[in-house]
Full PDB file with SEQRES, HELIX, SHEET, SSBOND, CRYST1, ORIGX, SCALE, CONECT and MASTER records, all heavy atoms in Angstrom:
SEQRES   1 A   44  GLU ILE ARG GLN ASN ASP LYS LEU ALA ALA VAL GLY GLN          
SEQRES   2 A   44  LEU ALA ALA GLY ILE ALA HIS GLU ILE ARG ASN PRO LEU          
SEQRES   3 A   44  ALA SER ILE SER GLY SER VAL GLN LEU ILE LEU ASP ASP          
SEQRES   4 A   44  ALA LYS ASP GLN SER                                          
HELIX    1 AA1 ILE A    2  ASP A   38  1                                  37    
HELIX    2 AA2 ALA A   40  ASP A   42  5                                   3    
CRYST1    1.000    1.000    1.000  90.00  90.00  90.00 P 1           1          
ORIGX1      1.000000  0.000000  0.000000        0.00000                         
ORIGX2      0.000000  1.000000  0.000000        0.00000                         
ORIGX3      0.000000  0.000000  1.000000        0.00000                         
SCALE1      1.000000  0.000000  0.000000        0.00000                         
SCALE2      0.000000  1.000000  0.000000        0.00000                         
SCALE3      0.000000  0.000000  1.000000        0.00000                         
ATOM      1  N   GLU A   1      -2.060  22.266 -21.861  1.00  0.00           N  
ATOM      2  CA  GLU A   1      -1.821  20.884 -21.951  1.00  0.00           C  
ATOM      3  C   GLU A   1      -0.847  20.176 -21.135  1.00  0.00           C  
ATOM      4  O   GLU A   1      -1.078  19.151 -20.497  1.00  0.00           O  
ATOM      5  CB  GLU A   1      -1.124  20.603 -23.334  1.00  0.00           C  
ATOM      6  CG  GLU A   1      -1.032  19.127 -23.874  1.00  0.00           C  
ATOM      7  CD  GLU A   1      -0.524  18.952 -25.291  1.00  0.00           C  
ATOM      8  OE1 GLU A   1      -1.145  19.721 -26.346  1.00  0.00           O  
ATOM      9  OE2 GLU A   1       0.352  18.327 -25.535  1.00  0.00           O  
ATOM     10  N   ILE A   2       0.109  20.986 -20.577  1.00  0.00           N  
ATOM     11  CA  ILE A   2       0.953  20.560 -19.507  1.00  0.00           C  
ATOM     12  C   ILE A   2       0.287  20.379 -18.216  1.00  0.00           C  
ATOM     13  O   ILE A   2       0.475  19.552 -17.484  1.00  0.00           O  
ATOM     14  CB  ILE A   2       2.256  21.444 -19.416  1.00  0.00           C  
ATOM     15  CG1 ILE A   2       3.223  21.331 -20.467  1.00  0.00           C  
ATOM     16  CG2 ILE A   2       3.091  21.312 -18.143  1.00  0.00           C  
ATOM     17  CD1 ILE A   2       4.291  22.475 -20.626  1.00  0.00           C  
ATOM     18  N   ARG A   3      -0.507  21.355 -17.852  1.00  0.00           N  
ATOM     19  CA  ARG A   3      -1.208  21.397 -16.671  1.00  0.00           C  
ATOM     20  C   ARG A   3      -2.262  20.123 -16.597  1.00  0.00           C  
ATOM     21  O   ARG A   3      -2.262  19.381 -15.611  1.00  0.00           O  
ATOM     22  CB  ARG A   3      -2.123  22.550 -16.475  1.00  0.00           C  
ATOM     23  CG  ARG A   3      -1.470  23.715 -15.893  1.00  0.00           C  
ATOM     24  CD  ARG A   3      -2.397  24.859 -15.322  1.00  0.00           C  
ATOM     25  NE  ARG A   3      -3.035  25.532 -16.449  1.00  0.00           N  
ATOM     26  CZ  ARG A   3      -2.437  26.416 -17.183  1.00  0.00           C  
ATOM     27  NH1 ARG A   3      -1.242  26.839 -16.955  1.00  0.00           N  
ATOM     28  NH2 ARG A   3      -3.107  27.086 -18.139  1.00  0.00           N  
ATOM     29  N   GLN A   4      -2.816  19.769 -17.791  1.00  0.00           N  
ATOM     30  CA  GLN A   4      -3.784  18.608 -17.957  1.00  0.00           C  
ATOM     31  C   GLN A   4      -2.932  17.393 -17.714  1.00  0.00           C  
ATOM     32  O   GLN A   4      -3.400  16.473 -17.164  1.00  0.00           O  
ATOM     33  CB  GLN A   4      -4.383  18.567 -19.351  1.00  0.00           C  
ATOM     34  CG  GLN A   4      -5.555  17.605 -19.447  1.00  0.00           C  
ATOM     35  CD  GLN A   4      -6.619  17.625 -18.485  1.00  0.00           C  
ATOM     36  OE1 GLN A   4      -6.937  18.806 -18.049  1.00  0.00           O  
ATOM     37  NE2 GLN A   4      -7.276  16.475 -18.221  1.00  0.00           N  
ATOM     38  N   ASN A   5      -1.831  17.219 -18.269  1.00  0.00           N  
ATOM     39  CA  ASN A   5      -0.884  16.108 -18.212  1.00  0.00           C  
ATOM     40  C   ASN A   5      -0.441  15.899 -16.755  1.00  0.00           C  
ATOM     41  O   ASN A   5      -0.314  14.852 -16.245  1.00  0.00           O  
ATOM     42  CB  ASN A   5       0.380  16.131 -19.133  1.00  0.00           C  
ATOM     43  CG  ASN A   5      -0.007  15.954 -20.551  1.00  0.00           C  
ATOM     44  OD1 ASN A   5      -1.099  15.361 -20.713  1.00  0.00           O  
ATOM     45  ND2 ASN A   5       0.879  16.347 -21.405  1.00  0.00           N  
ATOM     46  N   ASP A   6      -0.188  17.058 -16.042  1.00  0.00           N  
ATOM     47  CA  ASP A   6       0.117  16.953 -14.606  1.00  0.00           C  
ATOM     48  C   ASP A   6      -0.951  16.475 -13.841  1.00  0.00           C  
ATOM     49  O   ASP A   6      -0.778  15.525 -12.951  1.00  0.00           O  
ATOM     50  CB  ASP A   6       0.605  18.434 -14.058  1.00  0.00           C  
ATOM     51  CG  ASP A   6       1.875  18.806 -14.615  1.00  0.00           C  
ATOM     52  OD1 ASP A   6       2.729  17.875 -15.180  1.00  0.00           O  
ATOM     53  OD2 ASP A   6       2.191  20.026 -14.487  1.00  0.00           O  
ATOM     54  N   LYS A   7      -2.265  16.896 -14.209  1.00  0.00           N  
ATOM     55  CA  LYS A   7      -3.319  16.270 -13.448  1.00  0.00           C  
ATOM     56  C   LYS A   7      -3.513  14.755 -13.734  1.00  0.00           C  
ATOM     57  O   LYS A   7      -3.810  14.049 -12.822  1.00  0.00           O  
ATOM     58  CB  LYS A   7      -4.564  16.999 -13.918  1.00  0.00           C  
ATOM     59  CG  LYS A   7      -4.785  18.454 -13.303  1.00  0.00           C  
ATOM     60  CD  LYS A   7      -6.035  18.995 -13.885  1.00  0.00           C  
ATOM     61  CE  LYS A   7      -6.132  20.425 -13.583  1.00  0.00           C  
ATOM     62  NZ  LYS A   7      -7.432  21.170 -14.165  1.00  0.00           N  
ATOM     63  N   LEU A   8      -3.356  14.439 -14.893  1.00  0.00           N  
ATOM     64  CA  LEU A   8      -3.458  13.013 -15.248  1.00  0.00           C  
ATOM     65  C   LEU A   8      -2.403  12.058 -14.521  1.00  0.00           C  
ATOM     66  O   LEU A   8      -2.584  10.977 -14.125  1.00  0.00           O  
ATOM     67  CB  LEU A   8      -3.309  12.794 -16.799  1.00  0.00           C  
ATOM     68  CG  LEU A   8      -4.639  13.256 -17.601  1.00  0.00           C  
ATOM     69  CD1 LEU A   8      -4.386  13.157 -19.011  1.00  0.00           C  
ATOM     70  CD2 LEU A   8      -5.868  12.519 -17.248  1.00  0.00           C  
ATOM     71  N   ALA A   9      -1.196  12.652 -14.471  1.00  0.00           N  
ATOM     72  CA  ALA A   9      -0.096  11.961 -13.753  1.00  0.00           C  
ATOM     73  C   ALA A   9      -0.442  11.747 -12.283  1.00  0.00           C  
ATOM     74  O   ALA A   9      -0.180  10.754 -11.687  1.00  0.00           O  
ATOM     75  CB  ALA A   9       1.241  12.701 -13.879  1.00  0.00           C  
ATOM     76  N   ALA A  10      -0.997  12.970 -11.681  1.00  0.00           N  
ATOM     77  CA  ALA A  10      -1.427  12.824 -10.300  1.00  0.00           C  
ATOM     78  C   ALA A  10      -2.501  11.743 -10.009  1.00  0.00           C  
ATOM     79  O   ALA A  10      -2.485  11.047  -9.121  1.00  0.00           O  
ATOM     80  CB  ALA A  10      -1.854  14.231  -9.733  1.00  0.00           C  
ATOM     81  N   VAL A  11      -3.393  11.684 -10.967  1.00  0.00           N  
ATOM     82  CA  VAL A  11      -4.540  10.800 -10.839  1.00  0.00           C  
ATOM     83  C   VAL A  11      -3.940   9.352 -10.959  1.00  0.00           C  
ATOM     84  O   VAL A  11      -4.254   8.534 -10.262  1.00  0.00           O  
ATOM     85  CB  VAL A  11      -5.610  10.961 -11.971  1.00  0.00           C  
ATOM     86  CG1 VAL A  11      -6.560   9.866 -12.133  1.00  0.00           C  
ATOM     87  CG2 VAL A  11      -6.420  12.212 -11.677  1.00  0.00           C  
ATOM     88  N   GLY A  12      -2.928   9.193 -11.841  1.00  0.00           N  
ATOM     89  CA  GLY A  12      -2.207   7.843 -12.092  1.00  0.00           C  
ATOM     90  C   GLY A  12      -1.420   7.469 -10.705  1.00  0.00           C  
ATOM     91  O   GLY A  12      -1.655   6.343 -10.395  1.00  0.00           O  
ATOM     92  N   GLN A  13      -0.969   8.350 -10.150  1.00  0.00           N  
ATOM     93  CA  GLN A  13      -0.195   8.173  -8.839  1.00  0.00           C  
ATOM     94  C   GLN A  13      -1.141   7.748  -7.767  1.00  0.00           C  
ATOM     95  O   GLN A  13      -0.885   6.719  -7.094  1.00  0.00           O  
ATOM     96  CB  GLN A  13       0.614   9.199  -8.443  1.00  0.00           C  
ATOM     97  CG  GLN A  13       1.843   9.484  -9.338  1.00  0.00           C  
ATOM     98  CD  GLN A  13       2.768  10.627  -8.915  1.00  0.00           C  
ATOM     99  OE1 GLN A  13       2.103  11.569  -8.207  1.00  0.00           O  
ATOM    100  NE2 GLN A  13       3.913  10.774  -9.203  1.00  0.00           N  
ATOM    101  N   LEU A  14      -2.221   8.427  -7.720  1.00  0.00           N  
ATOM    102  CA  LEU A  14      -3.312   8.213  -6.810  1.00  0.00           C  
ATOM    103  C   LEU A  14      -3.828   6.789  -6.924  1.00  0.00           C  
ATOM    104  O   LEU A  14      -4.055   6.018  -5.968  1.00  0.00           O  
ATOM    105  CB  LEU A  14      -4.448   9.312  -6.796  1.00  0.00           C  
ATOM    106  CG  LEU A  14      -5.651   9.013  -5.901  1.00  0.00           C  
ATOM    107  CD1 LEU A  14      -5.094   9.171  -4.301  1.00  0.00           C  
ATOM    108  CD2 LEU A  14      -6.621  10.075  -6.239  1.00  0.00           C  
ATOM    109  N   ALA A  15      -4.209   6.513  -8.275  1.00  0.00           N  
ATOM    110  CA  ALA A  15      -4.716   5.108  -8.538  1.00  0.00           C  
ATOM    111  C   ALA A  15      -3.787   4.021  -8.315  1.00  0.00           C  
ATOM    112  O   ALA A  15      -4.101   3.049  -7.716  1.00  0.00           O  
ATOM    113  CB  ALA A  15      -5.105   5.182 -10.093  1.00  0.00           C  
ATOM    114  N   ALA A  16      -2.509   4.186  -8.468  1.00  0.00           N  
ATOM    115  CA  ALA A  16      -1.464   3.279  -8.133  1.00  0.00           C  
ATOM    116  C   ALA A  16      -1.448   3.083  -6.630  1.00  0.00           C  
ATOM    117  O   ALA A  16      -1.307   1.938  -6.104  1.00  0.00           O  
ATOM    118  CB  ALA A  16      -0.059   3.752  -8.685  1.00  0.00           C  
ATOM    119  N   GLY A  17      -1.442   4.094  -5.870  1.00  0.00           N  
ATOM    120  CA  GLY A  17      -1.443   3.873  -4.386  1.00  0.00           C  
ATOM    121  C   GLY A  17      -2.725   3.302  -3.815  1.00  0.00           C  
ATOM    122  O   GLY A  17      -2.637   2.474  -3.026  1.00  0.00           O  
ATOM    123  N   ILE A  18      -3.877   3.523  -4.515  1.00  0.00           N  
ATOM    124  CA  ILE A  18      -5.060   2.791  -4.073  1.00  0.00           C  
ATOM    125  C   ILE A  18      -4.970   1.321  -4.423  1.00  0.00           C  
ATOM    126  O   ILE A  18      -5.318   0.417  -3.525  1.00  0.00           O  
ATOM    127  CB  ILE A  18      -6.319   3.487  -4.742  1.00  0.00           C  
ATOM    128  CG1 ILE A  18      -6.545   4.870  -4.167  1.00  0.00           C  
ATOM    129  CG2 ILE A  18      -7.504   2.584  -4.702  1.00  0.00           C  
ATOM    130  CD1 ILE A  18      -7.657   5.632  -5.013  1.00  0.00           C  
ATOM    131  N   ALA A  19      -4.443   1.060  -5.664  1.00  0.00           N  
ATOM    132  CA  ALA A  19      -4.239  -0.327  -6.076  1.00  0.00           C  
ATOM    133  C   ALA A  19      -3.403  -1.111  -5.088  1.00  0.00           C  
ATOM    134  O   ALA A  19      -3.630  -2.169  -4.757  1.00  0.00           O  
ATOM    135  CB  ALA A  19      -3.709  -0.430  -7.458  1.00  0.00           C  
ATOM    136  N   HIS A  20      -2.321  -0.482  -4.670  1.00  0.00           N  
ATOM    137  CA  HIS A  20      -1.308  -0.936  -3.672  1.00  0.00           C  
ATOM    138  C   HIS A  20      -2.075  -1.218  -2.360  1.00  0.00           C  
ATOM    139  O   HIS A  20      -1.721  -2.309  -1.743  1.00  0.00           O  
ATOM    140  CB  HIS A  20      -0.148   0.047  -3.470  1.00  0.00           C  
ATOM    141  CG  HIS A  20       0.960  -0.514  -2.635  1.00  0.00           C  
ATOM    142  ND1 HIS A  20       1.777  -1.630  -2.976  1.00  0.00           N  
ATOM    143  CD2 HIS A  20       1.266  -0.185  -1.317  1.00  0.00           C  
ATOM    144  CE1 HIS A  20       2.577  -1.895  -1.915  1.00  0.00           C  
ATOM    145  NE2 HIS A  20       2.280  -0.989  -0.969  1.00  0.00           N  
ATOM    146  N   GLU A  21      -2.826  -0.375  -1.994  1.00  0.00           N  
ATOM    147  CA  GLU A  21      -3.510  -0.538  -0.621  1.00  0.00           C  
ATOM    148  C   GLU A  21      -4.551  -1.637  -0.723  1.00  0.00           C  
ATOM    149  O   GLU A  21      -4.949  -2.147   0.233  1.00  0.00           O  
ATOM    150  CB  GLU A  21      -4.147   0.900  -0.229  1.00  0.00           C  
ATOM    151  CG  GLU A  21      -3.170   1.892   0.118  1.00  0.00           C  
ATOM    152  CD  GLU A  21      -2.271   1.474   1.359  1.00  0.00           C  
ATOM    153  OE1 GLU A  21      -2.713   0.784   2.272  1.00  0.00           O  
ATOM    154  OE2 GLU A  21      -1.108   1.735   1.209  1.00  0.00           O  
ATOM    155  N   ILE A  22      -5.129  -1.857  -1.828  1.00  0.00           N  
ATOM    156  CA  ILE A  22      -6.067  -3.050  -2.075  1.00  0.00           C  
ATOM    157  C   ILE A  22      -5.304  -4.268  -2.082  1.00  0.00           C  
ATOM    158  O   ILE A  22      -5.677  -5.321  -1.547  1.00  0.00           O  
ATOM    159  CB  ILE A  22      -6.882  -2.797  -3.439  1.00  0.00           C  
ATOM    160  CG1 ILE A  22      -7.759  -1.692  -3.208  1.00  0.00           C  
ATOM    161  CG2 ILE A  22      -7.606  -4.204  -3.689  1.00  0.00           C  
ATOM    162  CD1 ILE A  22      -8.520  -1.295  -4.524  1.00  0.00           C  
ATOM    163  N   ARG A  23      -4.153  -4.427  -2.619  1.00  0.00           N  
ATOM    164  CA  ARG A  23      -3.247  -5.427  -2.881  1.00  0.00           C  
ATOM    165  C   ARG A  23      -2.811  -6.016  -1.470  1.00  0.00           C  
ATOM    166  O   ARG A  23      -2.830  -7.174  -1.155  1.00  0.00           O  
ATOM    167  CB  ARG A  23      -2.070  -5.328  -3.787  1.00  0.00           C  
ATOM    168  CG  ARG A  23      -1.252  -6.445  -3.848  1.00  0.00           C  
ATOM    169  CD  ARG A  23      -0.219  -6.208  -4.870  1.00  0.00           C  
ATOM    170  NE  ARG A  23      -0.696  -6.750  -6.176  1.00  0.00           N  
ATOM    171  CZ  ARG A  23       0.009  -6.479  -7.351  1.00  0.00           C  
ATOM    172  NH1 ARG A  23       1.048  -5.779  -7.345  1.00  0.00           N  
ATOM    173  NH2 ARG A  23      -0.465  -6.866  -8.483  1.00  0.00           N  
ATOM    174  N   ASN A  24      -2.537  -5.157  -0.628  1.00  0.00           N  
ATOM    175  CA  ASN A  24      -2.034  -5.497   0.835  1.00  0.00           C  
ATOM    176  C   ASN A  24      -3.039  -6.517   1.570  1.00  0.00           C  
ATOM    177  O   ASN A  24      -2.648  -7.539   2.006  1.00  0.00           O  
ATOM    178  CB  ASN A  24      -1.677  -4.425   1.729  1.00  0.00           C  
ATOM    179  CG  ASN A  24      -0.276  -3.714   1.201  1.00  0.00           C  
ATOM    180  OD1 ASN A  24       0.506  -4.386   0.493  1.00  0.00           O  
ATOM    181  ND2 ASN A  24       0.037  -2.515   1.478  1.00  0.00           N  
ATOM    182  N   PRO A  25      -4.258  -6.104   1.649  1.00  0.00           N  
ATOM    183  CA  PRO A  25      -5.162  -6.928   2.430  1.00  0.00           C  
ATOM    184  C   PRO A  25      -5.537  -8.172   1.639  1.00  0.00           C  
ATOM    185  O   PRO A  25      -5.799  -9.196   2.215  1.00  0.00           O  
ATOM    186  CB  PRO A  25      -6.414  -6.097   2.596  1.00  0.00           C  
ATOM    187  CG  PRO A  25      -6.090  -4.752   2.162  1.00  0.00           C  
ATOM    188  CD  PRO A  25      -4.841  -4.670   1.538  1.00  0.00           C  
ATOM    189  N   LEU A  26      -5.433  -8.095   0.216  1.00  0.00           N  
ATOM    190  CA  LEU A  26      -5.755  -9.302  -0.454  1.00  0.00           C  
ATOM    191  C   LEU A  26      -4.547 -10.332  -0.151  1.00  0.00           C  
ATOM    192  O   LEU A  26      -4.891 -11.517  -0.251  1.00  0.00           O  
ATOM    193  CB  LEU A  26      -5.791  -8.933  -2.006  1.00  0.00           C  
ATOM    194  CG  LEU A  26      -7.061  -8.453  -2.605  1.00  0.00           C  
ATOM    195  CD1 LEU A  26      -6.765  -8.203  -4.099  1.00  0.00           C  
ATOM    196  CD2 LEU A  26      -7.960  -9.486  -2.334  1.00  0.00           C  
ATOM    197  N   ALA A  27      -3.341  -9.881   0.011  1.00  0.00           N  
ATOM    198  CA  ALA A  27      -2.281 -10.733   0.308  1.00  0.00           C  
ATOM    199  C   ALA A  27      -2.523 -11.511   1.629  1.00  0.00           C  
ATOM    200  O   ALA A  27      -2.222 -12.620   1.744  1.00  0.00           O  
ATOM    201  CB  ALA A  27      -0.986 -10.007   0.304  1.00  0.00           C  
ATOM    202  N   SER A  28      -3.058 -10.738   2.617  1.00  0.00           N  
ATOM    203  CA  SER A  28      -3.335 -11.273   3.884  1.00  0.00           C  
ATOM    204  C   SER A  28      -4.487 -12.395   3.757  1.00  0.00           C  
ATOM    205  O   SER A  28      -4.401 -13.450   4.286  1.00  0.00           O  
ATOM    206  CB  SER A  28      -3.729 -10.299   4.949  1.00  0.00           C  
ATOM    207  OG  SER A  28      -2.724  -9.513   5.044  1.00  0.00           O  
ATOM    208  N   ILE A  29      -5.429 -11.976   3.055  1.00  0.00           N  
ATOM    209  CA  ILE A  29      -6.520 -12.816   2.834  1.00  0.00           C  
ATOM    210  C   ILE A  29      -6.287 -14.187   2.103  1.00  0.00           C  
ATOM    211  O   ILE A  29      -6.511 -15.282   2.518  1.00  0.00           O  
ATOM    212  CB  ILE A  29      -7.841 -12.175   2.105  1.00  0.00           C  
ATOM    213  CG1 ILE A  29      -8.364 -11.063   2.971  1.00  0.00           C  
ATOM    214  CG2 ILE A  29      -8.868 -13.191   1.750  1.00  0.00           C  
ATOM    215  CD1 ILE A  29      -9.274 -10.125   2.313  1.00  0.00           C  
ATOM    216  N   SER A  30      -5.436 -13.893   1.099  1.00  0.00           N  
ATOM    217  CA  SER A  30      -4.896 -15.160   0.256  1.00  0.00           C  
ATOM    218  C   SER A  30      -4.025 -16.102   1.139  1.00  0.00           C  
ATOM    219  O   SER A  30      -4.197 -17.305   1.046  1.00  0.00           O  
ATOM    220  CB  SER A  30      -4.042 -14.561  -0.840  1.00  0.00           C  
ATOM    221  OG  SER A  30      -3.434 -15.605  -1.655  1.00  0.00           O  
ATOM    222  N   GLY A  31      -3.136 -15.504   1.984  1.00  0.00           N  
ATOM    223  CA  GLY A  31      -2.274 -16.291   2.887  1.00  0.00           C  
ATOM    224  C   GLY A  31      -3.171 -17.128   3.876  1.00  0.00           C  
ATOM    225  O   GLY A  31      -2.915 -18.175   4.115  1.00  0.00           O  
ATOM    226  N   SER A  32      -4.227 -16.495   4.394  1.00  0.00           N  
ATOM    227  CA  SER A  32      -5.092 -17.113   5.264  1.00  0.00           C  
ATOM    228  C   SER A  32      -5.896 -18.265   4.556  1.00  0.00           C  
ATOM    229  O   SER A  32      -5.982 -19.470   5.159  1.00  0.00           O  
ATOM    230  CB  SER A  32      -6.109 -16.216   5.798  1.00  0.00           C  
ATOM    231  OG  SER A  32      -5.498 -15.134   6.646  1.00  0.00           O  
ATOM    232  N   VAL A  33      -6.369 -18.064   3.448  1.00  0.00           N  
ATOM    233  CA  VAL A  33      -7.008 -19.033   2.632  1.00  0.00           C  
ATOM    234  C   VAL A  33      -6.131 -20.216   2.271  1.00  0.00           C  
ATOM    235  O   VAL A  33      -6.602 -21.255   2.421  1.00  0.00           O  
ATOM    236  CB  VAL A  33      -7.753 -18.443   1.357  1.00  0.00           C  
ATOM    237  CG1 VAL A  33      -8.254 -19.500   0.429  1.00  0.00           C  
ATOM    238  CG2 VAL A  33      -8.776 -17.469   1.690  1.00  0.00           C  
ATOM    239  N   GLN A  34      -4.888 -19.851   1.852  1.00  0.00           N  
ATOM    240  CA  GLN A  34      -3.909 -20.994   1.689  1.00  0.00           C  
ATOM    241  C   GLN A  34      -3.767 -21.841   2.819  1.00  0.00           C  
ATOM    242  O   GLN A  34      -3.526 -23.125   2.756  1.00  0.00           O  
ATOM    243  CB  GLN A  34      -2.579 -20.337   1.187  1.00  0.00           C  
ATOM    244  CG  GLN A  34      -2.648 -19.750  -0.207  1.00  0.00           C  
ATOM    245  CD  GLN A  34      -2.998 -20.819  -1.244  1.00  0.00           C  
ATOM    246  OE1 GLN A  34      -2.494 -22.043  -1.232  1.00  0.00           O  
ATOM    247  NE2 GLN A  34      -3.844 -20.447  -2.259  1.00  0.00           N  
ATOM    248  N   LEU A  35      -3.627 -21.205   4.023  1.00  0.00           N  
ATOM    249  CA  LEU A  35      -3.330 -21.948   5.263  1.00  0.00           C  
ATOM    250  C   LEU A  35      -4.617 -22.905   5.552  1.00  0.00           C  
ATOM    251  O   LEU A  35      -4.338 -23.991   5.938  1.00  0.00           O  
ATOM    252  CB  LEU A  35      -3.087 -21.065   6.514  1.00  0.00           C  
ATOM    253  CG  LEU A  35      -1.615 -20.390   6.463  1.00  0.00           C  
ATOM    254  CD1 LEU A  35      -1.691 -19.350   7.579  1.00  0.00           C  
ATOM    255  CD2 LEU A  35      -0.625 -21.357   6.676  1.00  0.00           C  
ATOM    256  N   ILE A  36      -5.699 -22.315   5.327  1.00  0.00           N  
ATOM    257  CA  ILE A  36      -6.877 -23.112   5.562  1.00  0.00           C  
ATOM    258  C   ILE A  36      -7.003 -24.297   4.602  1.00  0.00           C  
ATOM    259  O   ILE A  36      -7.412 -25.420   4.874  1.00  0.00           O  
ATOM    260  CB  ILE A  36      -8.188 -22.334   5.582  1.00  0.00           C  
ATOM    261  CG1 ILE A  36      -8.154 -21.414   6.734  1.00  0.00           C  
ATOM    262  CG2 ILE A  36      -9.405 -23.126   5.692  1.00  0.00           C  
ATOM    263  CD1 ILE A  36      -9.266 -20.220   6.736  1.00  0.00           C  
ATOM    264  N   LEU A  37      -6.622 -24.054   3.344  1.00  0.00           N  
ATOM    265  CA  LEU A  37      -6.771 -25.078   2.311  1.00  0.00           C  
ATOM    266  C   LEU A  37      -5.569 -26.107   2.556  1.00  0.00           C  
ATOM    267  O   LEU A  37      -5.922 -27.279   2.241  1.00  0.00           O  
ATOM    268  CB  LEU A  37      -6.527 -24.376   0.850  1.00  0.00           C  
ATOM    269  CG  LEU A  37      -7.602 -23.879   0.150  1.00  0.00           C  
ATOM    270  CD1 LEU A  37      -7.168 -23.186  -1.115  1.00  0.00           C  
ATOM    271  CD2 LEU A  37      -8.570 -24.942  -0.193  1.00  0.00           C  
ATOM    272  N   ASP A  38      -4.507 -25.845   3.159  1.00  0.00           N  
ATOM    273  CA  ASP A  38      -3.469 -26.831   3.501  1.00  0.00           C  
ATOM    274  C   ASP A  38      -4.074 -27.902   4.465  1.00  0.00           C  
ATOM    275  O   ASP A  38      -3.610 -28.900   4.555  1.00  0.00           O  
ATOM    276  CB  ASP A  38      -2.293 -26.200   4.060  1.00  0.00           C  
ATOM    277  CG  ASP A  38      -1.451 -25.436   2.902  1.00  0.00           C  
ATOM    278  OD1 ASP A  38      -1.728 -25.672   1.737  1.00  0.00           O  
ATOM    279  OD2 ASP A  38      -0.626 -24.512   3.284  1.00  0.00           O  
ATOM    280  N   ASP A  39      -5.005 -27.286   5.364  1.00  0.00           N  
ATOM    281  CA  ASP A  39      -5.607 -28.149   6.227  1.00  0.00           C  
ATOM    282  C   ASP A  39      -6.897 -28.534   5.819  1.00  0.00           C  
ATOM    283  O   ASP A  39      -7.870 -28.741   6.540  1.00  0.00           O  
ATOM    284  CB  ASP A  39      -5.778 -27.354   7.661  1.00  0.00           C  
ATOM    285  CG  ASP A  39      -4.419 -27.009   8.228  1.00  0.00           C  
ATOM    286  OD1 ASP A  39      -3.484 -27.790   8.109  1.00  0.00           O  
ATOM    287  OD2 ASP A  39      -4.375 -26.087   9.192  1.00  0.00           O  
ATOM    288  N   ALA A  40      -7.074 -28.872   4.557  1.00  0.00           N  
ATOM    289  CA  ALA A  40      -8.279 -29.218   3.793  1.00  0.00           C  
ATOM    290  C   ALA A  40      -9.094 -30.384   4.418  1.00  0.00           C  
ATOM    291  O   ALA A  40     -10.250 -30.457   4.369  1.00  0.00           O  
ATOM    292  CB  ALA A  40      -8.195 -29.194   2.290  1.00  0.00           C  
ATOM    293  N   LYS A  41      -8.133 -31.371   4.965  1.00  0.00           N  
ATOM    294  CA  LYS A  41      -8.789 -32.508   5.438  1.00  0.00           C  
ATOM    295  C   LYS A  41      -9.701 -32.386   6.635  1.00  0.00           C  
ATOM    296  O   LYS A  41     -10.534 -33.137   6.857  1.00  0.00           O  
ATOM    297  CB  LYS A  41      -7.737 -33.539   5.666  1.00  0.00           C  
ATOM    298  CG  LYS A  41      -6.658 -33.169   6.520  1.00  0.00           C  
ATOM    299  CD  LYS A  41      -5.456 -34.088   6.699  1.00  0.00           C  
ATOM    300  CE  LYS A  41      -4.271 -33.450   7.254  1.00  0.00           C  
ATOM    301  NZ  LYS A  41      -3.132 -33.191   6.372  1.00  0.00           N  
ATOM    302  N   ASP A  42      -9.438 -31.181   7.348  1.00  0.00           N  
ATOM    303  CA  ASP A  42     -10.203 -30.830   8.476  1.00  0.00           C  
ATOM    304  C   ASP A  42     -11.574 -30.130   8.061  1.00  0.00           C  
ATOM    305  O   ASP A  42     -12.459 -29.838   8.844  1.00  0.00           O  
ATOM    306  CB  ASP A  42      -9.580 -29.827   9.440  1.00  0.00           C  
ATOM    307  CG  ASP A  42      -8.222 -30.534  10.033  1.00  0.00           C  
ATOM    308  OD1 ASP A  42      -8.165 -31.857   9.967  1.00  0.00           O  
ATOM    309  OD2 ASP A  42      -7.354 -29.815  10.422  1.00  0.00           O  
ATOM    310  N   GLN A  43     -11.672 -29.837   6.744  1.00  0.00           N  
ATOM    311  CA  GLN A  43     -12.787 -29.094   6.195  1.00  0.00           C  
ATOM    312  C   GLN A  43     -13.723 -30.005   5.411  1.00  0.00           C  
ATOM    313  O   GLN A  43     -13.342 -30.973   4.877  1.00  0.00           O  
ATOM    314  CB  GLN A  43     -12.369 -27.946   5.268  1.00  0.00           C  
ATOM    315  CG  GLN A  43     -11.322 -27.013   5.886  1.00  0.00           C  
ATOM    316  CD  GLN A  43     -12.050 -26.050   6.820  1.00  0.00           C  
ATOM    317  OE1 GLN A  43     -13.116 -25.762   6.764  1.00  0.00           O  
ATOM    318  NE2 GLN A  43     -11.226 -25.801   7.872  1.00  0.00           N  
ATOM    319  N   SER A  44     -15.076 -29.539   5.376  1.00  0.00           N  
ATOM    320  CA  SER A  44     -15.983 -30.283   4.688  1.00  0.00           C  
ATOM    321  C   SER A  44     -15.698 -30.021   3.226  1.00  0.00           C  
ATOM    322  O   SER A  44     -15.021 -29.068   2.765  1.00  0.00           O  
ATOM    323  CB  SER A  44     -17.493 -29.834   5.089  1.00  0.00           C  
ATOM    324  OG  SER A  44     -17.577 -28.537   4.656  1.00  0.00           O  
TER     325      SER A  44                                                      
MASTER        0    0    0    2    0    0    0    6  324    1    0    4          
END                                                                             
């Protein structure tokens, strides 16, 4: 049971790392979209 819990904890840490790595590019994309939206008058 302890070995299984250790495996689950490792999977949780891996999943948290992956989620963090997804969040970083999303922040860049979001910032870029916000900048473009601020200049919305130039857009159709």
